PDB file of N, CA and C in Angstrom:
ATOM      1  N   MET A   1      -7.238   2.612 -17.391  1.00  0.00           N
ATOM      2  CA  MET A   1      -5.828   2.208 -17.255  1.00  0.00           C
ATOM      3  C   MET A   1      -5.133   2.792 -15.989  1.00  0.00           C
ATOM      4  N   ALA A   2      -5.547   4.023 -15.680  1.00  0.00           N
ATOM      5  CA  ALA A   2      -4.883   4.728 -14.495  1.00  0.00           C
ATOM      6  C   ALA A   2      -5.281   3.941 -13.211  1.00  0.00           C
ATOM      7  N   TRP A   3      -6.448   3.350 -13.164  1.00  0.00           N
ATOM      8  CA  TRP A   3      -6.871   2.614 -11.984  1.00  0.00           C
ATOM      9  C   TRP A   3      -6.095   1.296 -11.843  1.00  0.00           C
ATOM     10  N   ILE A   4      -5.757   0.657 -12.935  1.00  0.00           N
ATOM     11  CA  ILE A   4      -4.942  -0.504 -12.930  1.00  0.00           C
ATOM     12  C   ILE A   4      -3.510  -0.214 -12.499  1.00  0.00           C
ATOM     13  N   VAL A   5      -3.026   0.829 -12.979  1.00  0.00           N
ATOM     14  CA  VAL A   5      -1.594   1.279 -12.570  1.00  0.00           C
ATOM     15  C   VAL A   5      -1.663   1.652 -11.119  1.00  0.00           C
ATOM     16  N   LEU A   6      -2.667   2.328 -10.621  1.00  0.00           N
ATOM     17  CA  LEU A   6      -2.749   2.706  -9.246  1.00  0.00           C
ATOM     18  C   LEU A   6      -2.872   1.464  -8.315  1.00  0.00           C
ATOM     19  N   ILE A   7      -3.566   0.472  -8.750  1.00  0.00           N
ATOM     20  CA  ILE A   7      -3.684  -0.708  -7.926  1.00  0.00           C
ATOM     21  C   ILE A   7      -2.227  -1.352  -7.863  1.00  0.00           C
ATOM     22  N   PHE A   8      -1.444  -1.419  -8.952  1.00  0.00           N
ATOM     23  CA  PHE A   8      -0.156  -2.007  -8.920  1.00  0.00           C
ATOM     24  C   PHE A   8       0.718  -1.154  -8.020  1.00  0.00           C
ATOM     25  N   ALA A   9       0.579   0.167  -8.094  1.00  0.00           N
ATOM     26  CA  ALA A   9       1.381   1.075  -7.218  1.00  0.00           C
ATOM     27  C   ALA A   9       1.124   0.750  -5.783  1.00  0.00           C
ATOM     28  N   GLY A  10      -0.147   0.458  -5.438  1.00  0.00           N
ATOM     29  CA  GLY A  10      -0.549   0.048  -4.070  1.00  0.00           C
ATOM     30  C   GLY A  10       0.115  -1.317  -3.636  1.00  0.00           C
ATOM     31  N   ILE A  11       0.021  -2.234  -4.647  1.00  0.00           N
ATOM     32  CA  ILE A  11       0.604  -3.566  -4.312  1.00  0.00           C
ATOM     33  C   ILE A  11       2.079  -3.414  -4.061  1.00  0.00           C
ATOM     34  N   PHE A  12       2.798  -2.634  -4.851  1.00  0.00           N
ATOM     35  CA  PHE A  12       4.224  -2.474  -4.700  1.00  0.00           C
ATOM     36  C   PHE A  12       4.625  -1.680  -3.427  1.00  0.00           C
ATOM     37  N   GLU A  13       3.607  -0.878  -2.964  1.00  0.00           N
ATOM     38  CA  GLU A  13       3.808  -0.217  -1.620  1.00  0.00           C
ATOM     39  C   GLU A  13       3.776  -1.242  -0.507  1.00  0.00           C
ATOM     40  N   ILE A  14       2.922  -2.224  -0.688  1.00  0.00           N
ATOM     41  CA  ILE A  14       2.886  -3.382   0.274  1.00  0.00           C
ATOM     42  C   ILE A  14       4.273  -4.105   0.311  1.00  0.00           C
ATOM     43  N   VAL A  15       4.752  -4.373  -0.908  1.00  0.00           N
ATOM     44  CA  VAL A  15       5.966  -5.105  -1.114  1.00  0.00           C
ATOM     45  C   VAL A  15       7.137  -4.357  -0.516  1.00  0.00           C
ATOM     46  N   TRP A  16       7.230  -3.112  -0.708  1.00  0.00           N
ATOM     47  CA  TRP A  16       8.352  -2.295  -0.143  1.00  0.00           C
ATOM     48  C   TRP A  16       8.208  -2.252   1.354  1.00  0.00           C
ATOM     49  N   ALA A  17       7.046  -2.067   1.828  1.00  0.00           N
ATOM     50  CA  ALA A  17       6.867  -2.076   3.353  1.00  0.00           C
ATOM     51  C   ALA A  17       7.320  -3.408   3.990  1.00  0.00           C
ATOM     52  N   TYR A  18       6.971  -4.505   3.301  1.00  0.00           N
ATOM     53  CA  TYR A  18       7.461  -5.815   3.775  1.00  0.00           C
ATOM     54  C   TYR A  18       8.947  -5.950   3.846  1.00  0.00           C
ATOM     55  N   PHE A  19       9.566  -5.568   2.704  1.00  0.00           N
ATOM     56  CA  PHE A  19      11.060  -5.594   2.621  1.00  0.00           C
ATOM     57  C   PHE A  19      11.690  -4.625   3.654  1.00  0.00           C
ATOM     58  N   MET A  20      11.071  -3.495   3.849  1.00  0.00           N
ATOM     59  CA  MET A  20      11.595  -2.616   4.859  1.00  0.00           C
ATOM     60  C   MET A  20      11.527  -3.245   6.294  1.00  0.00           C
ATOM     61  N   LYS A  21      10.538  -4.010   6.594  1.00  0.00           N
ATOM     62  CA  LYS A  21      10.567  -4.734   7.815  1.00  0.00           C
ATOM     63  C   LYS A  21      11.636  -5.725   7.859  1.00  0.00           C
ATOM     64  N   LEU A  22      11.859  -6.412   6.791  1.00  0.00           N
ATOM     65  CA  LEU A  22      12.884  -7.458   6.740  1.00  0.00           C
ATOM     66  C   LEU A  22      14.333  -6.883   6.794  1.00  0.00           C
ATOM     67  N   SER A  23      14.442  -5.584   6.313  1.00  0.00           N
ATOM     68  CA  SER A  23      15.737  -4.907   6.316  1.00  0.00           C
ATOM     69  C   SER A  23      16.296  -4.672   7.698  1.00  0.00           C
ATOM     70  N   ASP A  24      15.435  -4.752   8.694  1.00  0.00           N
ATOM     71  CA  ASP A  24      15.910  -4.530  10.070  1.00  0.00           C
ATOM     72  C   ASP A  24      16.582  -3.210  10.224  1.00  0.00           C
ATOM     73  N   GLY A  25      15.817  -2.068   9.850  1.00  0.00           N
ATOM     74  CA  GLY A  25      16.299  -0.798   9.949  1.00  0.00           C
ATOM     75  C   GLY A  25      17.471  -0.458   8.897  1.00  0.00           C
ATOM     76  N   PHE A  26      17.286  -1.060   7.693  1.00  0.00           N
ATOM     77  CA  PHE A  26      18.276  -0.893   6.671  1.00  0.00           C
ATOM     78  C   PHE A  26      19.676  -1.434   7.034  1.00  0.00           C
ATOM     79  N   THR A  27      19.705  -2.449   7.850  1.00  0.00           N
ATOM     80  CA  THR A  27      20.977  -3.052   8.298  1.00  0.00           C
ATOM     81  C   THR A  27      21.279  -4.307   7.454  1.00  0.00           C
ATOM     82  N   LYS A  28      20.326  -4.795   6.706  1.00  0.00           N
ATOM     83  CA  LYS A  28      20.543  -5.933   5.826  1.00  0.00           C
ATOM     84  C   LYS A  28      20.408  -5.533   4.379  1.00  0.00           C
ATOM     85  N   LEU A  29      21.472  -5.838   3.599  1.00  0.00           N
ATOM     86  CA  LEU A  29      21.628  -5.246   2.244  1.00  0.00           C
ATOM     87  C   LEU A  29      20.532  -5.637   1.281  1.00  0.00           C
ATOM     88  N   THR A  30      20.252  -6.913   1.098  1.00  0.00           N
ATOM     89  CA  THR A  30      19.339  -7.315   0.053  1.00  0.00           C
ATOM     90  C   THR A  30      17.917  -6.790   0.293  1.00  0.00           C
ATOM     91  N   PRO A  31      17.370  -6.904   1.558  1.00  0.00           N
ATOM     92  CA  PRO A  31      16.062  -6.368   1.767  1.00  0.00           C
ATOM     93  C   PRO A  31      16.037  -4.880   1.616  1.00  0.00           C
ATOM     94  N   SER A  32      17.218  -4.156   1.944  1.00  0.00           N
ATOM     95  CA  SER A  32      17.262  -2.703   1.822  1.00  0.00           C
ATOM     96  C   SER A  32      17.153  -2.277   0.319  1.00  0.00           C
ATOM     97  N   ILE A  33      17.913  -2.992  -0.485  1.00  0.00           N
ATOM     98  CA  ILE A  33      17.901  -2.720  -1.920  1.00  0.00           C
ATOM     99  C   ILE A  33      16.531  -2.985  -2.487  1.00  0.00           C
ATOM    100  N   LEU A  34      15.883  -4.081  -2.118  1.00  0.00           N
ATOM    101  CA  LEU A  34      14.520  -4.397  -2.596  1.00  0.00           C
ATOM    102  C   LEU A  34      13.535  -3.299  -2.130  1.00  0.00           C
ATOM    103  N   THR A  35      13.713  -2.812  -0.889  1.00  0.00           N
ATOM    104  CA  THR A  35      12.845  -1.763  -0.455  1.00  0.00           C
ATOM    105  C   THR A  35      12.936  -0.596  -1.290  1.00  0.00           C
ATOM    106  N   ILE A  36      14.095  -0.122  -1.571  1.00  0.00           N
ATOM    107  CA  ILE A  36      14.293   1.089  -2.393  1.00  0.00           C
ATOM    108  C   ILE A  36      13.754   0.844  -3.864  1.00  0.00           C
ATOM    109  N   PHE A  37      14.007  -0.292  -4.352  1.00  0.00           N
ATOM    110  CA  PHE A  37      13.573  -0.613  -5.686  1.00  0.00           C
ATOM    111  C   PHE A  37      12.036  -0.624  -5.839  1.00  0.00           C
ATOM    112  N   PHE A  38      11.350  -1.252  -4.927  1.00  0.00           N
ATOM    113  CA  PHE A  38       9.928  -1.307  -4.939  1.00  0.00           C
ATOM    114  C   PHE A  38       9.303   0.024  -4.549  1.00  0.00           C
ATOM    115  N   MET A  39      10.070   0.809  -3.716  1.00  0.00           N
ATOM    116  CA  MET A  39       9.521   2.127  -3.375  1.00  0.00           C
ATOM    117  C   MET A  39       9.601   3.019  -4.587  1.00  0.00           C
ATOM    118  N   VAL A  40      10.586   3.079  -5.289  1.00  0.00           N
ATOM    119  CA  VAL A  40      10.751   3.948  -6.541  1.00  0.00           C
ATOM    120  C   VAL A  40       9.675   3.427  -7.547  1.00  0.00           C
ATOM    121  N   LEU A  41       9.546   2.201  -7.758  1.00  0.00           N
ATOM    122  CA  LEU A  41       8.515   1.610  -8.637  1.00  0.00           C
ATOM    123  C   LEU A  41       7.122   2.101  -8.212  1.00  0.00           C
ATOM    124  N   SER A  42       6.800   1.902  -6.959  1.00  0.00           N
ATOM    125  CA  SER A  42       5.492   2.292  -6.504  1.00  0.00           C
ATOM    126  C   SER A  42       5.207   3.793  -6.658  1.00  0.00           C
ATOM    127  N   PHE A  43       6.165   4.636  -6.302  1.00  0.00           N
ATOM    128  CA  PHE A  43       6.035   6.038  -6.483  1.00  0.00           C
ATOM    129  C   PHE A  43       5.934   6.421  -7.979  1.00  0.00           C
ATOM    130  N   GLY A  44       6.679   5.773  -8.782  1.00  0.00           N
ATOM    131  CA  GLY A  44       6.569   6.087 -10.223  1.00  0.00           C
ATOM    132  C   GLY A  44       5.201   5.772 -10.804  1.00  0.00           C
ATOM    133  N   LEU A  45       4.678   4.631 -10.365  1.00  0.00           N
ATOM    134  CA  LEU A  45       3.379   4.169 -10.852  1.00  0.00           C
ATOM    135  C   LEU A  45       2.295   5.210 -10.343  1.00  0.00           C
ATOM    136  N   LEU A  46       2.446   5.591  -9.078  1.00  0.00           N
ATOM    137  CA  LEU A  46       1.503   6.563  -8.498  1.00  0.00           C
ATOM    138  C   LEU A  46       1.593   7.866  -9.203  1.00  0.00           C
ATOM    139  N   ALA A  47       2.765   8.305  -9.596  1.00  0.00           N
ATOM    140  CA  ALA A  47       2.840   9.528 -10.310  1.00  0.00           C
ATOM    141  C   ALA A  47       2.224   9.412 -11.672  1.00  0.00           C
ATOM    142  N   TYR A  48       2.308   8.299 -12.324  1.00  0.00           N
ATOM    143  CA  TYR A  48       1.783   8.023 -13.641  1.00  0.00           C
ATOM    144  C   TYR A  48       0.238   8.067 -13.506  1.00  0.00           C
ATOM    145  N   ALA A  49      -0.313   7.389 -12.473  1.00  0.00           N
ATOM    146  CA  ALA A  49      -1.765   7.344 -12.274  1.00  0.00           C
ATOM    147  C   ALA A  49      -2.275   8.727 -11.981  1.00  0.00           C
ATOM    148  N   MET A  50      -1.523   9.538 -11.273  1.00  0.00           N
ATOM    149  CA  MET A  50      -1.990  10.927 -10.939  1.00  0.00           C
ATOM    150  C   MET A  50      -2.043  11.836 -12.196  1.00  0.00           C
ATOM    151  N   ARG A  51      -1.545  11.419 -13.315  1.00  0.00           N
ATOM    152  CA  ARG A  51      -1.630  12.215 -14.511  1.00  0.00           C
ATOM    153  C   ARG A  51      -3.063  12.370 -14.963  1.00  0.00           C
ATOM    154  N   SER A  52      -3.884  11.361 -14.593  1.00  0.00           N
ATOM    155  CA  SER A  52      -5.382  11.454 -15.006  1.00  0.00           C
ATOM    156  C   SER A  52      -6.272  11.250 -13.862  1.00  0.00           C
ATOM    157  N   LEU A  53      -5.875  10.876 -12.687  1.00  0.00           N
ATOM    158  CA  LEU A  53      -6.728  10.751 -11.467  1.00  0.00           C
ATOM    159  C   LEU A  53      -6.514  11.982 -10.574  1.00  0.00           C
ATOM    160  N   PRO A  54      -7.561  12.356  -9.809  1.00  0.00           N
ATOM    161  CA  PRO A  54      -7.400  13.476  -8.890  1.00  0.00           C
ATOM    162  C   PRO A  54      -6.362  13.120  -7.759  1.00  0.00           C
ATOM    163  N   LEU A  55      -5.559  14.077  -7.301  1.00  0.00           N
ATOM    164  CA  LEU A  55      -4.644  13.842  -6.212  1.00  0.00           C
ATOM    165  C   LEU A  55      -5.242  13.162  -5.045  1.00  0.00           C
ATOM    166  N   GLY A  56      -6.309  13.730  -4.501  1.00  0.00           N
ATOM    167  CA  GLY A  56      -6.866  13.124  -3.277  1.00  0.00           C
ATOM    168  C   GLY A  56      -7.387  11.805  -3.454  1.00  0.00           C
ATOM    169  N   THR A  57      -7.919  11.491  -4.583  1.00  0.00           N
ATOM    170  CA  THR A  57      -8.392  10.093  -4.853  1.00  0.00           C
ATOM    171  C   THR A  57      -7.237   9.135  -5.008  1.00  0.00           C
ATOM    172  N   ALA A  58      -6.273   9.500  -5.892  1.00  0.00           N
ATOM    173  CA  ALA A  58      -5.154   8.558  -6.154  1.00  0.00           C
ATOM    174  C   ALA A  58      -4.365   8.339  -4.872  1.00  0.00           C
ATOM    175  N   TYR A  59      -4.036   9.343  -4.118  1.00  0.00           N
ATOM    176  CA  TYR A  59      -3.158   9.220  -2.930  1.00  0.00           C
ATOM    177  C   TYR A  59      -3.853   8.420  -1.884  1.00  0.00           C
ATOM    178  N   THR A  60      -5.166   8.659  -1.659  1.00  0.00           N
ATOM    179  CA  THR A  60      -5.956   7.964  -0.686  1.00  0.00           C
ATOM    180  C   THR A  60      -6.063   6.484  -0.986  1.00  0.00           C
ATOM    181  N   ILE A  61      -6.352   6.112  -2.256  1.00  0.00           N
ATOM    182  CA  ILE A  61      -6.483   4.743  -2.662  1.00  0.00           C
ATOM    183  C   ILE A  61      -5.054   4.127  -2.502  1.00  0.00           C
ATOM    184  N   TRP A  62      -3.991   4.765  -2.893  1.00  0.00           N
ATOM    185  CA  TRP A  62      -2.673   4.189  -2.851  1.00  0.00           C
ATOM    186  C   TRP A  62      -2.260   3.929  -1.362  1.00  0.00           C
ATOM    187  N   THR A  63      -2.489   4.846  -0.499  1.00  0.00           N
ATOM    188  CA  THR A  63      -2.093   4.622   0.899  1.00  0.00           C
ATOM    189  C   THR A  63      -3.038   3.607   1.534  1.00  0.00           C
ATOM    190  N   GLY A  64      -4.253   3.570   1.127  1.00  0.00           N
ATOM    191  CA  GLY A  64      -5.221   2.645   1.728  1.00  0.00           C
ATOM    192  C   GLY A  64      -4.880   1.187   1.290  1.00  0.00           C
ATOM    193  N   ILE A  65      -4.528   0.962   0.005  1.00  0.00           N
ATOM    194  CA  ILE A  65      -4.062  -0.358  -0.377  1.00  0.00           C
ATOM    195  C   ILE A  65      -2.869  -0.701   0.390  1.00  0.00           C
ATOM    196  N   GLY A  66      -1.925   0.169   0.462  1.00  0.00           N
ATOM    197  CA  GLY A  66      -0.740  -0.102   1.241  1.00  0.00           C
ATOM    198  C   GLY A  66      -0.961  -0.407   2.676  1.00  0.00           C
ATOM    199  N   ALA A  67      -1.816   0.389   3.280  1.00  0.00           N
ATOM    200  CA  ALA A  67      -2.054   0.182   4.746  1.00  0.00           C
ATOM    201  C   ALA A  67      -2.804  -1.134   4.989  1.00  0.00           C
ATOM    202  N   VAL A  68      -3.883  -1.377   4.297  1.00  0.00           N
ATOM    203  CA  VAL A  68      -4.594  -2.659   4.491  1.00  0.00           C
ATOM    204  C   VAL A  68      -3.736  -3.866   4.104  1.00  0.00           C
ATOM    205  N   GLY A  69      -3.080  -3.727   2.944  1.00  0.00           N
ATOM    206  CA  GLY A  69      -2.274  -4.877   2.503  1.00  0.00           C
ATOM    207  C   GLY A  69      -1.132  -5.167   3.470  1.00  0.00           C
ATOM    208  N   SER A  70      -0.487  -4.172   3.898  1.00  0.00           N
ATOM    209  CA  SER A  70       0.624  -4.298   4.920  1.00  0.00           C
ATOM    210  C   SER A  70       0.043  -4.920   6.190  1.00  0.00           C
ATOM    211  N   PHE A  71      -1.092  -4.466   6.594  1.00  0.00           N
ATOM    212  CA  PHE A  71      -1.757  -5.059   7.785  1.00  0.00           C
ATOM    213  C   PHE A  71      -1.943  -6.552   7.590  1.00  0.00           C
ATOM    214  N   LEU A  72      -2.498  -6.907   6.406  1.00  0.00           N
ATOM    215  CA  LEU A  72      -2.717  -8.397   6.129  1.00  0.00           C
ATOM    216  C   LEU A  72      -1.444  -9.160   6.097  1.00  0.00           C
ATOM    217  N   VAL A  73      -0.443  -8.602   5.426  1.00  0.00           N
ATOM    218  CA  VAL A  73       0.848  -9.301   5.394  1.00  0.00           C
ATOM    219  C   VAL A  73       1.402  -9.419   6.799  1.00  0.00           C
ATOM    220  N   GLY A  74       1.262  -8.443   7.648  1.00  0.00           N
ATOM    221  CA  GLY A  74       1.710  -8.560   8.980  1.00  0.00           C
ATOM    222  C   GLY A  74       1.024  -9.652   9.770  1.00  0.00           C
ATOM    223  N   ILE A  75      -0.302  -9.848   9.507  1.00  0.00           N
ATOM    224  CA  ILE A  75      -1.024 -10.997  10.204  1.00  0.00           C
ATOM    225  C   ILE A  75      -0.661 -12.297   9.614  1.00  0.00           C
ATOM    226  N   PHE A  76      -0.745 -12.450   8.333  1.00  0.00           N
ATOM    227  CA  PHE A  76      -0.623 -13.735   7.692  1.00  0.00           C
ATOM    228  C   PHE A  76       0.774 -14.214   7.413  1.00  0.00           C
ATOM    229  N   VAL A  77       1.681 -13.310   7.266  1.00  0.00           N
ATOM    230  CA  VAL A  77       3.121 -13.729   6.969  1.00  0.00           C
ATOM    231  C   VAL A  77       3.970 -13.467   8.207  1.00  0.00           C
ATOM    232  N   LEU A  78       3.795 -12.413   8.920  1.00  0.00           N
ATOM    233  CA  LEU A  78       4.692 -12.137  10.039  1.00  0.00           C
ATOM    234  C   LEU A  78       4.125 -12.503  11.424  1.00  0.00           C
ATOM    235  N   GLY A  79       2.928 -13.030  11.449  1.00  0.00           N
ATOM    236  CA  GLY A  79       2.326 -13.556  12.666  1.00  0.00           C
ATOM    237  C   GLY A  79       1.926 -12.414  13.650  1.00  0.00           C
ATOM    238  N   GLU A  80       1.595 -11.224  13.124  1.00  0.00           N
ATOM    239  CA  GLU A  80       1.238 -10.116  14.053  1.00  0.00           C
ATOM    240  C   GLU A  80      -0.218 -10.351  14.538  1.00  0.00           C
ATOM    241  N   PRO A  81      -0.594  -9.774  15.626  1.00  0.00           N
ATOM    242  CA  PRO A  81      -1.926 -10.054  16.184  1.00  0.00           C
ATOM    243  C   PRO A  81      -3.044  -9.487  15.365  1.00  0.00           C
ATOM    244  N   ALA A  82      -4.175 -10.115  15.390  1.00  0.00           N
ATOM    245  CA  ALA A  82      -5.403  -9.728  14.567  1.00  0.00           C
ATOM    246  C   ALA A  82      -6.496  -9.494  15.566  1.00  0.00           C
ATOM    247  N   SER A  83      -6.448  -8.485  16.477  1.00  0.00           N
ATOM    248  CA  SER A  83      -7.429  -8.211  17.377  1.00  0.00           C
ATOM    249  C   SER A  83      -8.675  -7.667  16.720  1.00  0.00           C
ATOM    250  N   ALA A  84      -9.878  -7.687  17.419  1.00  0.00           N
ATOM    251  CA  ALA A  84     -11.092  -7.192  16.893  1.00  0.00           C
ATOM    252  C   ALA A  84     -10.905  -5.714  16.563  1.00  0.00           C
ATOM    253  N   MET A  85     -10.256  -4.957  17.376  1.00  0.00           N
ATOM    254  CA  MET A  85     -10.141  -3.528  17.123  1.00  0.00           C
ATOM    255  C   MET A  85      -9.313  -3.232  15.813  1.00  0.00           C
ATOM    256  N   ARG A  86      -8.308  -3.993  15.661  1.00  0.00           N
ATOM    257  CA  ARG A  86      -7.463  -3.875  14.466  1.00  0.00           C
ATOM    258  C   ARG A  86      -8.222  -4.205  13.168  1.00  0.00           C
ATOM    259  N   MET A  87      -8.985  -5.327  13.304  1.00  0.00           N
ATOM    260  CA  MET A  87      -9.804  -5.761  12.246  1.00  0.00           C
ATOM    261  C   MET A  87     -10.913  -4.742  11.843  1.00  0.00           C
ATOM    262  N   LEU A  88     -11.566  -4.159  12.870  1.00  0.00           N
ATOM    263  CA  LEU A  88     -12.513  -3.070  12.691  1.00  0.00           C
ATOM    264  C   LEU A  88     -11.855  -1.870  11.916  1.00  0.00           C
ATOM    265  N   ALA A  89     -10.657  -1.493  12.315  1.00  0.00           N
ATOM    266  CA  ALA A  89     -10.007  -0.403  11.777  1.00  0.00           C
ATOM    267  C   ALA A  89      -9.729  -0.654  10.306  1.00  0.00           C
ATOM    268  N   ALA A  90      -9.342  -1.933   9.887  1.00  0.00           N
ATOM    269  CA  ALA A  90      -9.091  -2.239   8.538  1.00  0.00           C
ATOM    270  C   ALA A  90     -10.340  -2.234   7.746  1.00  0.00           C
ATOM    271  N   VAL A  91     -11.505  -2.604   8.305  1.00  0.00           N
ATOM    272  CA  VAL A  91     -12.748  -2.623   7.610  1.00  0.00           C
ATOM    273  C   VAL A  91     -13.199  -1.151   7.363  1.00  0.00           C
ATOM    274  N   LEU A  92     -12.886  -0.279   8.275  1.00  0.00           N
ATOM    275  CA  LEU A  92     -13.207   1.153   8.121  1.00  0.00           C
ATOM    276  C   LEU A  92     -12.347   1.755   7.014  1.00  0.00           C
ATOM    277  N   ILE A  93     -11.078   1.387   6.933  1.00  0.00           N
ATOM    278  CA  ILE A  93     -10.217   1.914   5.842  1.00  0.00           C
ATOM    279  C   ILE A  93     -10.745   1.393   4.535  1.00  0.00           C
ATOM    280  N   ILE A  94     -11.120   0.145   4.426  1.00  0.00           N
ATOM    281  CA  ILE A  94     -11.620  -0.375   3.141  1.00  0.00           C
ATOM    282  C   ILE A  94     -12.886   0.293   2.771  1.00  0.00           C
ATOM    283  N   SER A  95     -13.735   0.573   3.735  1.00  0.00           N
ATOM    284  CA  SER A  95     -14.968   1.240   3.536  1.00  0.00           C
ATOM    285  C   SER A  95     -14.691   2.665   2.932  1.00  0.00           C
ATOM    286  N   GLY A  96     -13.727   3.359   3.540  1.00  0.00           N
ATOM    287  CA  GLY A  96     -13.362   4.657   3.030  1.00  0.00           C
ATOM    288  C   GLY A  96     -12.838   4.553   1.553  1.00  0.00           C
ATOM    289  N   LEU A  97     -12.085   3.552   1.333  1.00  0.00           N
ATOM    290  CA  LEU A  97     -11.519   3.437  -0.120  1.00  0.00           C
ATOM    291  C   LEU A  97     -12.634   3.202  -1.124  1.00  0.00           C
ATOM    292  N   VAL A  98     -13.644   2.327  -0.759  1.00  0.00           N
ATOM    293  CA  VAL A  98     -14.811   2.051  -1.594  1.00  0.00           C
ATOM    294  C   VAL A  98     -15.507   3.363  -1.863  1.00  0.00           C
ATOM    295  N   LEU A  99     -15.774   4.185  -0.794  1.00  0.00           N
ATOM    296  CA  LEU A  99     -16.460   5.410  -0.950  1.00  0.00           C
ATOM    297  C   LEU A  99     -15.641   6.374  -1.746  1.00  0.00           C
ATOM    298  N   MET A 100     -14.343   6.423  -1.628  1.00  0.00           N
ATOM    299  CA  MET A 100     -13.470   7.338  -2.405  1.00  0.00           C
ATOM    300  C   MET A 100     -13.599   6.921  -3.909  1.00  0.00           C
ATOM    301  N   LYS A 101     -13.553   5.652  -4.181  1.00  0.00           N
ATOM    302  CA  LYS A 101     -13.704   5.180  -5.606  1.00  0.00           C
ATOM    303  C   LYS A 101     -14.988   5.497  -6.159  1.00  0.00           C
ATOM    304  N   LEU A 102     -16.070   5.341  -5.421  1.00  0.00           N
ATOM    305  CA  LEU A 102     -17.442   5.652  -5.896  1.00  0.00           C
ATOM    306  C   LEU A 102     -17.584   7.077  -6.166  1.00  0.00           C
ATOM    307  N   SER A 103     -16.972   7.951  -5.447  1.00  0.00           N
ATOM    308  CA  SER A 103     -17.141   9.401  -5.489  1.00  0.00           C
ATOM    309  C   SER A 103     -16.386   9.905  -6.711  1.00  0.00           C
ATOM    310  N   SER A 104     -15.418   9.001  -7.230  1.00  0.00           N
ATOM    311  CA  SER A 104     -14.669   9.455  -8.429  1.00  0.00           C
ATOM    312  C   SER A 104     -15.233   9.011  -9.733  1.00  0.00           C
ATOM    313  N   ALA A 105     -16.270   8.178  -9.674  1.00  0.00           N
ATOM    314  CA  ALA A 105     -16.852   7.663 -10.903  1.00  0.00           C
ATOM    315  C   ALA A 105     -17.613   8.680 -11.705  1.00  0.00           C
TER     316      ALA A 105
END
C-alpha cells in the first residue's frame, strides 16, 4: 500500500510543478492555489508512505517520479526541447529509480 501511496505522491508532485509553472511566479491566483493544494497533498502522501518505507528510498522515488514526470510534461505539454542529452539524463534517473526499488525489496 505504501508504494501505491508513494506513486500518487509523485504524480501529485508533477501536478504541482506544472501549476507552479502556470502560476507565473505566483502572480496568477488559480494556478497558485492549485500549486499549494497539490503540494500539500503530495507532501502528505509522501509522509504517509514514509511511515513504512525507508527515508532514502521513499524520498528518492518521490523526487524521481516528479523530476522525470515534470520533464515529460515539459516536453509534451509545454513544448520544451527534448535533446539527446536531456533524454539520456531522464533514462539515467529512471535507471536509478529502478535500482532503488529493487534494493528495497
